[in-house]
Amino acid sequence: MSVRVAILIVLLALGAAFVRPALADGVDALIIATLQRDRIPGIGLLVMRRGSRARLSTYGLANVEHQVPVRHDTMFQSASLGKQFTATAMLMLAERGRISLDDPISQYLPAGPPDWAPITVRELLDHTSGIHDSEEDGGVFDLRREYSDDEIIRIAHSYPLDFAPGSRWKYNNMGYILSGIIVTRVVGMFYGEFLTREVFRPLGMRTARVISDNDIVPHRAAGYIRTTSGVRNQDFVSASLNATADGSLYLSLDDWSAWIAAMDRGAFLTPGSWAALWDRGRTRDGELTEHGFCWDHATLAGHELLEFDGSWQGFRAAIERDPASGFTVVVLANLDQAEPLPLARDVLARVAGFGAH
C-alpha cells in the first residue's frame, strides 16, 4: 500500500471519528472534503463569537508518522499570524512610554544608510518602510545558518530600499524581524520571553511560545510538504531564523481562543492600540491602505471583514473576523500547499449566515 493511500484511509477514518454528532453539519463536511481533496494531514478549526467559543473542531493527523490526531491542544506553527503578537508587544511598549510609534528606528537600532533615516517604528509595523523584504527574490538569508541580531541588521542595511519610506505599502517580513529586535533591546530580554511574561501568561495562553526544535514541546504538530510521491517533512530552518518576530510561534486552538476572547473584550490593550492593529494605515501623503499592522481589510458578500494568513515550514494558518456579527474563525493546517484563507472565509460565511452555500 502506498503512503498516499494509507494516509487517505487514515484521514477518512479520522474525519468520521473526530466529528461530534452535534457538529456534523455543513462546516464539518466542507473541511473533511477539503482535507481529503487536498491531502492535508490535519486541520484545526476555531470559531469564536463575542468572547465565547462557539466551536472547536479537529480533523486528521498532527503527526503522520506516529498517527497522532489533531487535538484542541495541538501546537501548530503560527506563520505570519504571529505578527499580531509582535505588534502587540510594540504597542504595549508605546503605552508604557518606552517607545513612540513615530520615533525613527535609529533610536533603537544601529543607524543604517542615509535613506533609512526617516523610517519610523510605525512604518515597520504597517509595511510602509520600504525595507527590502527578507523573503523577496528567493530570500536574503541562508535558512540553515545561525545569525545574530547584529548580523540580521547588517544584512537588512545591505539592500537598497524598495521605495521611499512611507510612500506606499508593500508586505514586509523584515520590518517585523527588526521590530522583534527592537523589543529585545528596549526591554532587555528576548522578545519571545517578553511575550510569554507580558502577553501569553496574563491572557491564559498556557502553551503559546516561540518555536524551538531543541525544546520538548508537548503536542507539537509536524509540518509537511506535498510531493508527487506523497507528503514529506518540512525543511530544516536554523534556530535563530525559527525564532524571529515575523511569526515564529507555536499556538494551539486553546491559545487562539484565549487571545480572541481578549480581543473581543477589548481587554489588555487600550482601545487605540487595538484599533492600530487592524485599522487601515496611511502613507505619508495621506492615502489609505487596505491593511492594518497585521490584518487586511476585505469584503465578502457585502460584509467588511478583517483577515490575515501565513505560511511557514510546512504550516498554513488563516484568521477571518467579522466585526458586525462578532464571529472570528481560525483555521490551522500542517501542509505547505494548504489554502486555509478561502476555507476560513467559507466557514465564516456559513456560521454568520451570509453567502453560505
Protein backbone atom coordinates (compact mmCIF):
# COMPACT_ATOMS: atom_id res chain seq x y z
CA MET A 1 0.00 0.00 0.00
CA SER A 2 1.40 3.44 -0.93
CA VAL A 3 1.97 6.11 1.69
CA ARG A 4 -0.58 8.33 -0.08
CA VAL A 5 -3.30 5.67 0.05
CA ALA A 6 -2.53 4.85 3.67
CA ILE A 7 -2.79 8.50 4.67
CA LEU A 8 -6.07 8.89 2.81
CA ILE A 9 -7.56 5.87 4.59
CA VAL A 10 -6.49 7.26 7.95
CA LEU A 11 -7.92 10.69 7.11
CA LEU A 12 -11.24 9.17 6.07
CA ALA A 13 -11.41 7.28 9.34
CA LEU A 14 -10.39 10.26 11.44
CA GLY A 15 -12.77 12.52 9.60
CA ALA A 16 -15.60 10.37 10.91
CA ALA A 17 -14.12 9.53 14.29
CA PHE A 18 -13.36 13.07 15.43
CA VAL A 19 -16.57 14.83 14.40
CA ARG A 20 -19.03 15.08 17.25
CA PRO A 21 -22.61 14.32 16.15
CA ALA A 22 -23.85 17.75 17.29
CA LEU A 23 -21.41 19.37 14.87
CA ALA A 24 -21.99 17.04 11.92
CA ASP A 25 -23.16 19.87 9.65
CA GLY A 26 -22.08 21.66 6.51
CA VAL A 27 -18.93 23.03 8.11
CA ASP A 28 -17.64 19.58 9.00
CA ALA A 29 -18.49 18.29 5.54
CA LEU A 30 -16.68 21.25 3.99
CA ILE A 31 -13.50 20.75 5.99
CA ILE A 32 -13.41 16.98 5.64
CA ALA A 33 -13.88 17.33 1.87
CA THR A 34 -11.02 19.88 1.76
CA LEU A 35 -8.78 17.69 3.90
CA GLN A 36 -9.33 14.71 1.62
CA ARG A 37 -9.23 16.57 -1.70
CA ASP A 38 -6.03 18.48 -0.91
CA ARG A 39 -4.46 15.59 1.04
CA ILE A 40 -3.88 17.76 4.10
CA PRO A 41 -2.68 15.73 7.09
CA GLY A 42 -4.50 17.77 9.73
CA ILE A 43 -6.71 20.80 10.29
CA GLY A 44 -7.79 22.63 13.44
CA LEU A 45 -10.83 24.91 13.41
CA LEU A 46 -11.86 27.51 15.98
CA VAL A 47 -14.95 29.69 15.85
CA MET A 48 -15.34 32.44 18.44
CA ARG A 49 -18.24 34.86 18.89
CA ARG A 50 -18.08 37.92 21.12
CA GLY A 51 -15.63 36.43 23.58
CA SER A 52 -17.06 32.92 23.73
CA ARG A 53 -16.01 29.76 21.98
CA ALA A 54 -18.74 28.79 19.54
CA ARG A 55 -16.97 25.82 18.08
CA LEU A 56 -13.72 23.89 18.18
CA SER A 57 -13.27 21.02 15.75
CA THR A 58 -10.22 18.96 14.82
CA TYR A 59 -9.61 16.78 11.80
CA GLY A 60 -6.92 14.37 10.65
CA LEU A 61 -3.38 13.97 11.88
CA ALA A 62 -0.98 16.22 13.73
CA ASN A 63 1.79 13.70 13.06
CA VAL A 64 1.56 11.28 10.16
CA GLU A 65 4.49 9.08 11.19
CA HIS A 66 3.07 8.39 14.65
CA GLN A 67 -0.60 8.56 13.62
CA VAL A 68 -1.35 11.25 16.23
CA PRO A 69 -4.69 13.02 15.70
CA VAL A 70 -5.10 16.79 15.88
CA ARG A 71 -6.43 17.91 19.26
CA HIS A 72 -7.51 21.14 20.91
CA ASP A 73 -4.02 21.47 22.39
CA THR A 74 -2.03 20.53 19.28
CA MET A 75 0.73 23.08 18.73
CA PHE A 76 0.65 24.48 15.20
CA GLN A 77 3.16 26.99 13.90
CA SER A 78 1.55 30.40 13.62
CA ALA A 79 3.30 31.53 10.45
CA SER A 80 2.57 35.23 9.85
CA LEU A 81 -0.47 35.21 12.12
CA GLY A 82 2.17 35.57 14.82
CA LYS A 83 2.93 39.10 13.61
CA GLN A 84 -0.02 40.42 15.60
CA PHE A 85 1.76 39.45 18.81
CA THR A 86 4.93 41.29 17.78
CA ALA A 87 2.78 44.34 17.02
CA THR A 88 1.08 43.90 20.40
CA ALA A 89 4.45 43.92 22.17
CA MET A 90 5.40 47.15 20.37
CA LEU A 91 2.05 48.74 21.24
CA MET A 92 2.47 47.76 24.89
CA LEU A 93 5.86 49.46 24.96
CA ALA A 94 4.30 52.55 23.37
CA GLU A 95 1.54 52.57 26.02
CA ARG A 96 4.21 52.41 28.72
CA GLY A 97 6.18 55.26 27.21
CA ARG A 98 9.17 53.07 26.35
CA ILE A 99 8.93 53.82 22.63
CA SER A 100 6.89 56.03 20.32
CA LEU A 101 5.45 54.71 17.08
CA ASP A 102 6.59 57.90 15.40
CA ASP A 103 10.20 57.60 16.56
CA PRO A 104 12.80 56.90 13.89
CA ILE A 105 14.01 53.33 14.22
CA SER A 106 17.56 54.65 14.51
CA GLN A 107 16.72 55.46 18.15
CA TYR A 108 16.62 51.71 18.84
CA LEU A 109 18.77 50.13 16.11
CA PRO A 110 22.18 50.96 14.68
CA ALA A 111 21.95 53.70 12.08
CA GLY A 112 21.63 52.40 8.56
CA PRO A 113 22.30 54.02 5.21
CA PRO A 114 21.21 57.68 4.93
CA ASP A 115 17.93 56.84 3.19
CA TRP A 116 16.92 54.75 6.22
CA ALA A 117 16.93 57.82 8.48
CA PRO A 118 13.23 58.72 8.04
CA ILE A 119 11.90 55.19 8.75
CA THR A 120 9.67 55.13 11.83
CA VAL A 121 8.56 52.35 14.13
CA ARG A 122 5.05 52.70 12.77
CA GLU A 123 6.29 52.13 9.23
CA LEU A 124 7.94 48.87 10.28
CA LEU A 125 4.57 47.69 11.59
CA ASP A 126 2.30 48.92 8.80
CA HIS A 127 4.51 47.66 5.94
CA THR A 128 5.32 51.09 4.51
CA SER A 129 9.02 51.26 5.47
CA GLY A 130 10.38 50.42 2.01
CA ILE A 131 12.89 47.98 3.54
CA HIS A 132 13.75 45.07 1.25
CA ASP A 133 11.76 42.04 2.37
CA SER A 134 13.62 39.11 3.87
CA GLU A 135 11.77 36.60 1.64
CA GLU A 136 11.85 38.56 -1.61
CA ASP A 137 13.72 37.19 -4.66
CA GLY A 138 14.44 33.86 -3.02
CA GLY A 139 15.22 35.31 0.39
CA VAL A 140 18.14 37.17 1.92
CA PHE A 141 19.07 34.51 4.50
CA ASP A 142 20.62 31.06 4.32
CA LEU A 143 17.90 29.21 6.22
CA ARG A 144 20.39 26.68 7.61
CA ARG A 145 22.72 29.28 9.09
CA GLU A 146 22.59 30.82 12.55
CA TYR A 147 22.51 34.63 12.68
CA SER A 148 22.96 37.12 15.49
CA ASP A 149 20.68 40.15 15.72
CA ASP A 150 23.57 42.37 14.64
CA GLU A 151 24.14 40.23 11.54
CA ILE A 152 20.45 40.43 10.66
CA ILE A 153 20.53 44.21 10.95
CA ARG A 154 23.63 44.43 8.76
CA ILE A 155 22.01 42.25 6.10
CA ALA A 156 18.88 44.43 6.14
CA HIS A 157 21.07 47.53 5.73
CA SER A 158 22.93 45.96 2.79
CA TYR A 159 19.93 46.10 0.46
CA PRO A 160 18.67 49.33 -1.12
CA LEU A 161 15.19 50.43 -0.07
CA ASP A 162 12.44 49.33 -2.42
CA PHE A 163 10.83 52.78 -2.19
CA ALA A 164 10.99 55.95 -0.14
CA PRO A 165 9.83 55.36 3.47
CA GLY A 166 6.12 55.90 3.89
CA SER A 167 5.43 56.37 0.18
CA ARG A 168 3.49 53.13 -0.35
CA TRP A 169 2.50 49.78 1.12
CA LYS A 170 4.31 46.51 0.46
CA TYR A 171 4.09 43.41 2.63
CA ASN A 172 7.30 43.08 4.59
CA ASN A 173 8.60 40.39 6.92
CA MET A 174 11.87 42.17 7.61
CA GLY A 175 10.01 45.02 9.29
CA TYR A 176 8.67 42.58 11.87
CA ILE A 177 12.02 40.85 12.33
CA LEU A 178 13.51 44.26 13.15
CA SER A 179 10.54 45.06 15.39
CA GLY A 180 11.30 41.98 17.47
CA ILE A 181 14.91 43.09 17.79
CA ILE A 182 13.69 46.50 18.98
CA VAL A 183 11.53 44.84 21.66
CA THR A 184 14.51 42.75 22.78
CA ARG A 185 16.76 45.81 23.05
CA VAL A 186 14.23 48.07 24.76
CA VAL A 187 13.14 45.59 27.44
CA GLY A 188 16.47 43.83 27.90
CA MET A 189 15.11 40.34 27.28
CA PHE A 190 14.40 38.20 24.23
CA TYR A 191 11.16 39.35 22.63
CA GLY A 192 9.73 35.81 22.95
CA GLU A 193 10.31 35.85 26.70
CA PHE A 194 8.62 39.25 26.87
CA LEU A 195 5.59 37.85 25.02
CA THR A 196 5.42 34.88 27.39
CA ARG A 197 5.61 37.03 30.54
CA GLU A 198 3.55 40.01 29.44
CA VAL A 199 1.03 38.60 26.95
CA PHE A 200 0.66 34.84 26.94
CA ARG A 201 0.62 34.14 30.69
CA PRO A 202 -1.65 37.06 31.66
CA LEU A 203 -4.18 36.09 28.98
CA GLY A 204 -4.20 32.38 29.84
CA MET A 205 -2.47 31.34 26.62
CA ARG A 206 -0.88 28.50 28.54
CA THR A 207 1.05 26.78 25.77
CA ALA A 208 1.87 29.66 23.37
CA ARG A 209 5.60 30.07 22.82
CA VAL A 210 8.37 30.77 20.32
CA ILE A 211 9.36 27.87 18.05
CA SER A 212 12.21 25.64 19.21
CA ASP A 213 13.33 22.36 17.65
CA ASN A 214 15.53 21.65 20.67
CA ASP A 215 12.94 22.00 23.43
CA ILE A 216 10.43 19.31 24.30
CA VAL A 217 7.13 20.79 23.14
CA PRO A 218 4.13 18.65 24.15
CA HIS A 219 1.59 18.03 21.38
CA ARG A 220 3.78 19.60 18.71
CA ALA A 221 2.37 19.08 15.21
CA ALA A 222 4.67 18.20 12.34
CA GLY A 223 4.65 20.35 9.23
CA TYR A 224 4.52 18.71 5.81
CA ILE A 225 5.15 19.41 2.15
CA ARG A 226 3.24 17.54 -0.55
CA THR A 227 5.28 15.97 -3.36
CA THR A 228 4.40 13.76 -6.31
CA SER A 229 5.21 10.72 -4.15
CA GLY A 230 3.28 11.86 -1.08
CA VAL A 231 3.96 14.08 1.90
CA ARG A 232 7.39 14.67 3.38
CA ASN A 233 8.58 16.51 6.46
CA GLN A 234 9.13 20.26 6.44
CA ASP A 235 12.54 21.66 5.55
CA PHE A 236 15.08 22.47 8.24
CA VAL A 237 15.40 26.07 9.43
CA SER A 238 18.13 27.23 11.83
CA ALA A 239 17.24 28.01 15.43
CA SER A 240 17.86 31.75 15.07
CA LEU A 241 15.72 32.10 11.94
CA ASN A 242 12.97 30.00 13.51
CA ALA A 243 12.69 32.45 16.39
CA THR A 244 12.34 35.76 14.56
CA ALA A 245 9.43 38.09 15.25
CA ASP A 246 7.75 37.82 11.84
CA GLY A 247 5.62 34.92 13.04
CA SER A 248 7.76 32.17 14.59
CA LEU A 249 5.33 30.98 17.26
CA TYR A 250 3.57 27.80 18.36
CA LEU A 251 -0.08 28.24 19.33
CA SER A 252 -2.86 25.76 19.98
CA LEU A 253 -6.55 26.30 19.34
CA ASP A 254 -6.85 26.84 23.10
CA ASP A 255 -4.27 29.62 22.91
CA TRP A 256 -6.09 31.26 19.99
CA SER A 257 -9.34 31.04 21.94
CA ALA A 258 -7.85 32.98 24.87
CA TRP A 259 -6.34 35.61 22.57
CA ILE A 260 -9.52 36.22 20.58
CA ALA A 261 -11.56 36.38 23.77
CA ALA A 262 -9.27 39.20 24.97
CA MET A 263 -9.62 40.91 21.60
CA ASP A 264 -13.41 40.63 21.74
CA ARG A 265 -13.47 42.11 25.25
CA GLY A 266 -11.12 44.90 24.30
CA ALA A 267 -9.04 43.81 27.26
CA PHE A 268 -5.33 44.10 27.82
CA LEU A 269 -4.60 46.92 25.33
CA THR A 270 -6.11 50.40 25.14
CA PRO A 271 -8.85 50.97 22.53
CA GLY A 272 -6.38 52.99 20.49
CA SER A 273 -3.87 50.15 20.44
CA TRP A 274 -6.47 47.57 19.44
CA ALA A 275 -7.57 49.88 16.66
CA ALA A 276 -3.98 50.25 15.48
CA LEU A 277 -3.74 46.50 14.94
CA TRP A 278 -6.50 46.44 12.34
CA ASP A 279 -7.40 49.99 11.25
CA ARG A 280 -6.33 50.96 7.75
CA GLY A 281 -2.93 52.60 7.66
CA ARG A 282 -1.90 55.65 5.68
CA THR A 283 1.05 56.52 3.54
CA ARG A 284 2.84 59.79 4.24
CA ASP A 285 0.77 61.58 1.59
CA GLY A 286 -2.42 60.52 3.40
CA GLU A 287 -3.52 57.68 1.12
CA LEU A 288 -5.38 54.93 2.98
CA THR A 289 -4.15 51.36 2.58
CA GLU A 290 -6.25 48.21 2.93
CA HIS A 291 -4.08 46.97 5.76
CA GLY A 292 -3.57 47.43 9.47
CA PHE A 293 -0.43 46.40 11.30
CA CYS A 294 -1.17 42.71 10.84
CA TRP A 295 -4.68 42.49 9.42
CA ASP A 296 -6.01 43.01 5.90
CA HIS A 297 -9.37 44.55 5.05
CA ALA A 298 -11.57 42.50 2.72
CA THR A 299 -15.20 42.28 1.58
CA LEU A 300 -17.22 39.06 1.44
CA ALA A 301 -20.86 39.03 0.32
CA GLY A 302 -21.06 42.75 1.07
CA HIS A 303 -19.60 42.38 4.57
CA GLU A 304 -16.49 44.25 5.63
CA LEU A 305 -14.10 41.73 7.15
CA LEU A 306 -10.65 41.61 8.68
CA GLU A 307 -8.36 38.75 7.71
CA PHE A 308 -4.78 37.55 7.63
CA ASP A 309 -2.95 34.39 6.63
CA GLY A 310 0.53 32.96 6.72
CA SER A 311 2.80 30.16 5.56
CA TRP A 312 5.96 28.78 7.15
CA GLN A 313 7.84 25.50 7.34
CA GLY A 314 5.05 23.16 6.29
CA PHE A 315 2.26 25.05 8.09
CA ARG A 316 -0.51 27.34 6.86
CA ALA A 317 -2.82 29.46 9.03
CA ALA A 318 -5.64 31.93 8.46
CA ILE A 319 -7.94 34.12 10.53
CA GLU A 320 -11.21 35.81 9.49
CA ARG A 321 -13.05 38.33 11.65
CA ASP A 322 -16.49 39.87 11.05
CA PRO A 323 -16.93 42.85 13.38
CA ALA A 324 -20.66 43.10 12.59
CA SER A 325 -21.65 39.58 13.63
CA GLY A 326 -18.89 39.16 16.20
CA PHE A 327 -17.59 35.94 14.64
CA THR A 328 -13.90 35.12 14.31
CA VAL A 329 -12.68 31.98 12.54
CA VAL A 330 -9.21 30.45 12.79
CA VAL A 331 -8.07 27.63 10.50
CA LEU A 332 -4.73 25.89 11.10
CA ALA A 333 -3.24 23.29 8.74
CA ASN A 334 0.02 21.36 8.65
CA LEU A 335 0.64 21.26 4.91
CA ASP A 336 2.59 23.84 2.93
CA GLN A 337 0.17 23.68 -0.01
CA ALA A 338 -3.00 24.03 2.08
CA GLU A 339 -5.22 27.06 1.38
CA PRO A 340 -6.75 27.98 4.75
CA LEU A 341 -7.84 31.53 3.86
CA PRO A 342 -10.66 30.63 1.43
CA LEU A 343 -11.65 27.84 3.82
CA ALA A 344 -11.85 30.30 6.73
CA ARG A 345 -13.92 32.67 4.60
CA ASP A 346 -16.33 29.88 3.70
CA VAL A 347 -16.68 28.81 7.33
CA LEU A 348 -17.31 32.40 8.41
CA ALA A 349 -19.97 32.83 5.74
CA ARG A 350 -21.71 29.68 6.95
CA VAL A 351 -21.64 30.38 10.67
CA ALA A 352 -22.50 34.08 10.26
CA GLY A 353 -25.30 33.26 7.84
CA PHE A 354 -24.25 35.21 4.77
CA GLY A 355 -23.13 33.97 1.40
CA ALA A 356 -23.40 30.36 2.55
CA HIS A 357 -23.83 27.61 0.01
